[in-house]
Amino acid sequence: MIQSCQTMLYLKCIYLPIFFLQVTADVKVTSQDYICTGDLHHVESEHAMENPHCDQFWSYQDNSIGTFLDATPECHSPCKELTGGKIILTECVNVTLAVLCSKVHLESRWTTEFRIHFNAKMIHQSLPNSVKRARIGAYSSFGALMFISSLLCGGWLHHKNRNKLIEADVTNA
């Protein structure tokens, strides 16, 4: 109980009971890299996915780009899609996820908070092996076709010249 007194013409005391005592722990802050490839970039937090009942706040350059409160997502650019613990971005940018979990037990309220700074790492993805193989196959097929065409043309020219030589020998004899 907290006692508060005021003085006017007389002394008046008011007693205010405390209904909730809030206990807050230190904020756990970590960093994690994520790899950007393609047009959309997927960022995931396993800890946040395991605690979907917690409030989640995504930010980029100190601006809110998404919230996940009471299992309801809200998404702003560069956020394209948001679910519990996951965000899909249209740009390869550094983002921060802040997760707040609150629990009320009897007369105590416990709040835990953790933050993860996701550092974007752009990887210039080379073509997949299947695409490379398809291109190599197409170039090889074209090369083989050109080689066969040149052999056929060479054979035709050789045959034509041979016939001319035979005709020339017949007329000379």
Protein backbone atom coordinates (compact mmCIF):
# COMPACT_ATOMS: atom_id res chain seq x y z
CA MET A 1 0.00 0.00 0.00
CA ILE A 2 1.14 3.51 -0.82
CA GLN A 3 0.20 6.36 1.44
CA SER A 4 -0.29 9.86 0.01
CA CYS A 5 -1.17 12.89 2.10
CA GLN A 6 -2.38 16.37 1.13
CA THR A 7 -2.75 19.45 3.27
CA MET A 8 -5.49 21.97 2.71
CA LEU A 9 -7.40 23.23 5.67
CA TYR A 10 -6.97 19.83 7.21
CA LEU A 11 -4.80 16.78 6.71
CA LYS A 12 -6.32 14.26 4.37
CA CYS A 13 -4.69 10.88 3.75
CA ILE A 14 -5.48 8.59 0.83
CA TYR A 15 -4.44 4.97 0.64
CA LEU A 16 -3.83 3.58 -2.87
CA PRO A 17 -3.41 -0.16 -3.23
CA ILE A 18 -1.00 -1.51 -5.86
CA PHE A 19 -2.75 -3.98 -8.10
CA PHE A 20 0.13 -4.90 -10.39
CA LEU A 21 3.82 -4.92 -9.85
CA GLN A 22 5.63 -4.82 -13.19
CA VAL A 23 8.94 -6.60 -13.45
CA THR A 24 10.98 -6.05 -16.60
CA ALA A 25 14.16 -7.87 -17.45
CA ASP A 26 17.02 -6.58 -19.56
CA VAL A 27 16.52 -6.53 -23.30
CA LYS A 28 18.39 -9.32 -25.05
CA VAL A 29 19.89 -7.98 -28.29
CA THR A 30 21.45 -10.17 -30.98
CA SER A 31 22.50 -9.82 -34.59
CA GLN A 32 22.05 -12.27 -37.40
CA ASP A 33 22.89 -12.23 -41.11
CA TYR A 34 20.40 -13.16 -43.79
CA ILE A 35 21.12 -13.75 -47.45
CA CYS A 36 19.38 -11.79 -50.20
CA THR A 37 18.81 -13.59 -53.49
CA GLY A 38 16.25 -13.00 -56.21
CA ASP A 39 13.52 -10.36 -56.06
CA LEU A 40 12.01 -11.18 -52.65
CA HIS A 41 14.00 -11.57 -49.45
CA HIS A 42 12.85 -13.85 -46.62
CA VAL A 43 13.81 -13.05 -43.03
CA GLU A 44 12.90 -15.47 -40.24
CA SER A 45 13.31 -15.62 -36.48
CA GLU A 46 12.95 -19.08 -34.98
CA HIS A 47 12.47 -17.65 -31.49
CA ALA A 48 9.66 -15.37 -32.69
CA MET A 49 8.01 -18.24 -34.61
CA GLU A 50 8.04 -20.29 -31.40
CA ASN A 51 6.27 -17.43 -29.55
CA PRO A 52 3.48 -16.27 -31.90
CA HIS A 53 1.44 -14.94 -28.94
CA CYS A 54 4.08 -12.23 -28.36
CA ASP A 55 3.86 -8.80 -29.99
CA GLN A 56 6.32 -8.38 -32.86
CA PHE A 57 7.57 -5.08 -34.27
CA TRP A 58 9.65 -4.94 -37.48
CA SER A 59 11.58 -1.77 -38.34
CA TYR A 60 13.88 -0.44 -41.05
CA GLN A 61 15.98 2.70 -40.42
CA ASP A 62 13.98 3.43 -37.24
CA ASN A 63 10.69 3.33 -39.20
CA SER A 64 8.01 0.73 -38.60
CA ILE A 65 7.53 -1.58 -41.58
CA GLY A 66 5.40 -4.22 -39.90
CA THR A 67 3.68 -5.34 -36.74
CA PHE A 68 2.25 -8.66 -35.65
CA LEU A 69 -0.09 -7.93 -32.74
CA ASP A 70 -2.61 -10.45 -31.44
CA ALA A 71 -1.87 -12.63 -34.51
CA THR A 72 -2.89 -9.74 -36.81
CA PRO A 73 -0.23 -8.66 -39.33
CA GLU A 74 0.23 -5.12 -40.63
CA CYS A 75 2.78 -4.55 -43.39
CA HIS A 76 4.37 -1.40 -44.94
CA SER A 77 7.00 -1.03 -47.68
CA PRO A 78 9.55 -2.64 -48.06
CA CYS A 79 7.50 -5.36 -46.32
CA LYS A 80 5.53 -7.48 -48.79
CA GLU A 81 4.19 -10.15 -46.44
CA LEU A 82 4.28 -10.71 -42.68
CA THR A 83 3.47 -13.66 -40.45
CA GLY A 84 4.53 -14.57 -36.93
CA GLY A 85 8.33 -14.49 -36.91
CA LYS A 86 8.67 -14.12 -40.70
CA ILE A 87 8.79 -11.17 -43.06
CA ILE A 88 9.20 -11.04 -46.83
CA LEU A 89 10.90 -7.90 -48.13
CA THR A 90 10.98 -6.33 -51.59
CA GLU A 91 14.41 -4.79 -50.89
CA CYS A 92 17.63 -6.21 -49.49
CA VAL A 93 17.86 -4.05 -46.34
CA ASN A 94 18.90 -4.35 -42.70
CA VAL A 95 15.85 -4.79 -40.45
CA THR A 96 15.24 -5.13 -36.73
CA LEU A 97 12.69 -7.34 -35.01
CA ALA A 98 11.59 -6.44 -31.48
CA VAL A 99 9.52 -9.06 -29.65
CA LEU A 100 7.63 -8.29 -26.44
CA CYS A 101 6.14 -11.09 -24.37
CA SER A 102 4.01 -10.31 -21.33
CA LYS A 103 2.70 -12.69 -18.71
CA VAL A 104 0.46 -11.87 -15.76
CA HIS A 105 0.64 -14.14 -12.74
CA LEU A 106 -1.30 -13.24 -9.60
CA GLU A 107 -0.16 -9.70 -8.75
CA SER A 108 2.93 -9.70 -10.98
CA ARG A 109 3.33 -8.86 -14.62
CA TRP A 110 6.45 -10.12 -16.37
CA THR A 111 7.62 -8.63 -19.63
CA THR A 112 10.49 -10.00 -21.66
CA GLU A 113 11.87 -8.30 -24.70
CA PHE A 114 14.41 -9.34 -27.25
CA ARG A 115 15.64 -7.69 -30.41
CA ILE A 116 17.31 -9.18 -33.42
CA HIS A 117 19.15 -7.00 -35.92
CA PHE A 118 19.09 -8.77 -39.29
CA ASN A 119 22.01 -7.74 -41.50
CA ALA A 120 21.36 -8.15 -45.22
CA LYS A 121 24.06 -9.90 -47.26
CA MET A 122 23.59 -9.64 -51.04
CA ILE A 123 24.72 -12.74 -52.87
CA HIS A 124 24.82 -12.45 -56.65
CA GLN A 125 23.38 -15.81 -57.42
CA SER A 126 24.80 -17.53 -60.45
CA LEU A 127 22.48 -19.44 -62.71
CA PRO A 128 21.29 -22.78 -61.35
CA ASN A 129 23.04 -25.87 -62.70
CA SER A 130 19.97 -26.93 -64.69
CA VAL A 131 19.91 -23.59 -66.52
CA LYS A 132 23.65 -23.79 -67.17
CA ARG A 133 23.28 -27.33 -68.50
CA ALA A 134 20.39 -26.27 -70.74
CA ARG A 135 22.43 -23.41 -72.20
CA ILE A 136 25.48 -25.63 -72.72
CA GLY A 137 23.24 -28.24 -74.38
CA ALA A 138 21.72 -25.63 -76.70
CA TYR A 139 25.15 -24.29 -77.71
CA SER A 140 26.50 -27.81 -78.19
CA SER A 141 23.51 -28.78 -80.34
CA PHE A 142 23.94 -25.67 -82.46
CA GLY A 143 27.68 -26.41 -82.84
CA ALA A 144 27.01 -30.02 -83.82
CA LEU A 145 24.41 -28.90 -86.36
CA MET A 146 26.88 -26.44 -87.89
CA PHE A 147 29.59 -29.13 -88.05
CA ILE A 148 27.27 -31.64 -89.75
CA SER A 149 26.08 -28.92 -92.18
CA SER A 150 29.68 -28.08 -93.11
CA LEU A 151 30.46 -31.80 -93.65
CA LEU A 152 27.42 -32.18 -95.91
CA CYS A 153 28.31 -29.03 -97.85
CA GLY A 154 31.93 -30.19 -98.14
CA GLY A 155 30.81 -33.60 -99.34
CA TRP A 156 28.45 -32.07 -101.87
CA LEU A 157 31.18 -29.74 -103.17
CA HIS A 158 33.64 -32.64 -103.34
CA HIS A 159 31.09 -34.76 -105.26
CA LYS A 160 30.31 -31.87 -107.63
CA ASN A 161 34.02 -31.18 -108.30
CA ARG A 162 34.69 -34.89 -108.77
CA ASN A 163 31.95 -35.09 -111.42
CA LYS A 164 33.47 -32.07 -113.19
CA LEU A 165 36.92 -33.74 -113.15
CA ILE A 166 35.48 -36.97 -114.54
CA GLU A 167 33.67 -35.03 -117.30
CA ALA A 168 36.89 -33.17 -118.08
CA ASP A 169 38.84 -36.46 -118.31
CA VAL A 170 36.19 -37.94 -120.61
CA THR A 171 36.32 -34.95 -122.97
CA ASN A 172 40.16 -34.94 -123.00
CA ALA A 173 40.46 -38.62 -123.75
